Amino acid sequence: MTKYNWAIVPSEVEFLATDSNGCVFGYDVEPTERDFGKFMHTSDFLYFPHNGWMPAYQGSWRESLEKRPVVDKKLEGL
């Protein structure tokens, strides 16, 4: 089970995280957790189409970071 609905996330996004204010952001590389309630991107890519585009992770924001799940292509068509 995953924390987010990866089916609606563009393929460029490799990580998702919910900030302390409840907004979900997508990243192409693993972001850095900051003490002020945010994950900071370390590249020029940040995915955030609009507030509410993805339901926020309901646990602690510090535990919200998730890497895109690896899909076994052989099992995908079953």
Protein backbone atom coordinates (compact mmCIF):
# COMPACT_ATOMS: atom_id res chain seq x y z
CA MET A 1 0.00 0.00 0.00
CA THR A 2 1.25 3.48 -0.84
CA LYS A 3 0.64 6.84 0.82
CA TYR A 4 -0.46 8.53 -2.42
CA ASN A 5 -2.39 7.76 -5.63
CA TRP A 6 0.55 7.42 -8.03
CA ALA A 7 -1.79 6.74 -10.98
CA ILE A 8 -2.43 10.50 -11.34
CA VAL A 9 1.20 11.62 -10.93
CA PRO A 10 3.26 12.57 -14.01
CA SER A 11 6.12 10.22 -14.84
CA GLU A 12 8.72 12.95 -14.15
CA VAL A 13 7.82 12.89 -10.46
CA GLU A 14 9.85 10.38 -8.43
CA PHE A 15 8.97 11.54 -4.89
CA LEU A 16 5.88 12.97 -3.19
CA ALA A 17 5.68 14.64 0.20
CA THR A 18 3.11 16.56 2.23
CA ASP A 19 4.30 19.74 3.96
CA SER A 20 3.19 20.71 7.46
CA ASN A 21 0.50 22.95 5.92
CA GLY A 22 -1.08 19.98 4.08
CA CYS A 23 0.08 20.73 0.52
CA VAL A 24 1.44 17.84 -1.54
CA PHE A 25 4.46 18.48 -3.76
CA GLY A 26 6.20 16.29 -6.33
CA TYR A 27 9.95 16.13 -6.86
CA ASP A 28 12.23 14.59 -9.49
CA VAL A 29 14.97 13.90 -6.91
CA GLU A 30 14.71 13.20 -3.19
CA PRO A 31 14.01 16.48 -1.36
CA THR A 32 15.64 17.60 1.87
CA GLU A 33 13.53 17.80 5.03
CA ARG A 34 13.67 21.21 6.71
CA ASP A 35 12.80 22.04 10.33
CA PHE A 36 10.26 24.69 9.34
CA GLY A 37 7.74 22.12 8.07
CA LYS A 38 8.78 21.79 4.45
CA PHE A 39 10.66 19.52 2.10
CA MET A 40 12.98 21.54 -0.12
CA HIS A 41 13.72 20.53 -3.70
CA THR A 42 17.36 20.18 -4.69
CA SER A 43 16.84 20.59 -8.42
CA ASP A 44 14.97 23.02 -10.67
CA PHE A 45 11.92 20.73 -10.86
CA LEU A 46 8.97 21.02 -8.47
CA TYR A 47 5.48 19.67 -9.25
CA PHE A 48 2.52 21.49 -7.70
CA PRO A 49 -0.36 22.04 -10.16
CA HIS A 50 -2.77 23.49 -7.57
CA ASN A 51 -3.72 23.23 -3.92
CA GLY A 52 -5.77 20.08 -3.28
CA TRP A 53 -4.60 18.20 -6.41
CA MET A 54 -3.74 15.20 -4.24
CA PRO A 55 -5.11 14.23 -0.82
CA ALA A 56 -2.53 15.02 1.86
CA TYR A 57 -0.81 12.29 3.83
CA GLN A 58 -2.69 12.03 7.13
CA GLY A 59 0.23 11.20 9.42
CA SER A 60 3.12 13.41 10.45
CA TRP A 61 4.49 15.52 7.60
CA ARG A 62 7.95 14.21 8.52
CA GLU A 63 6.79 10.68 7.57
CA SER A 64 5.04 11.72 4.35
CA LEU A 65 7.94 11.42 1.89
CA GLU A 66 7.45 8.53 -0.51
CA LYS A 67 9.44 7.34 -3.53
CA ARG A 68 7.51 6.25 -6.60
CA PRO A 69 6.78 2.54 -6.30
CA VAL A 70 8.57 0.24 -8.73
CA VAL A 71 6.08 -1.59 -10.95
CA ASP A 72 6.95 -5.05 -12.23
CA LYS A 73 6.14 -4.71 -15.96
CA LYS A 74 5.55 -8.48 -16.25
CA LEU A 75 2.76 -8.32 -13.67
CA GLU A 76 1.28 -5.01 -14.81
CA GLY A 77 -0.93 -6.58 -17.52
CA LEU A 78 -2.38 -9.33 -15.32
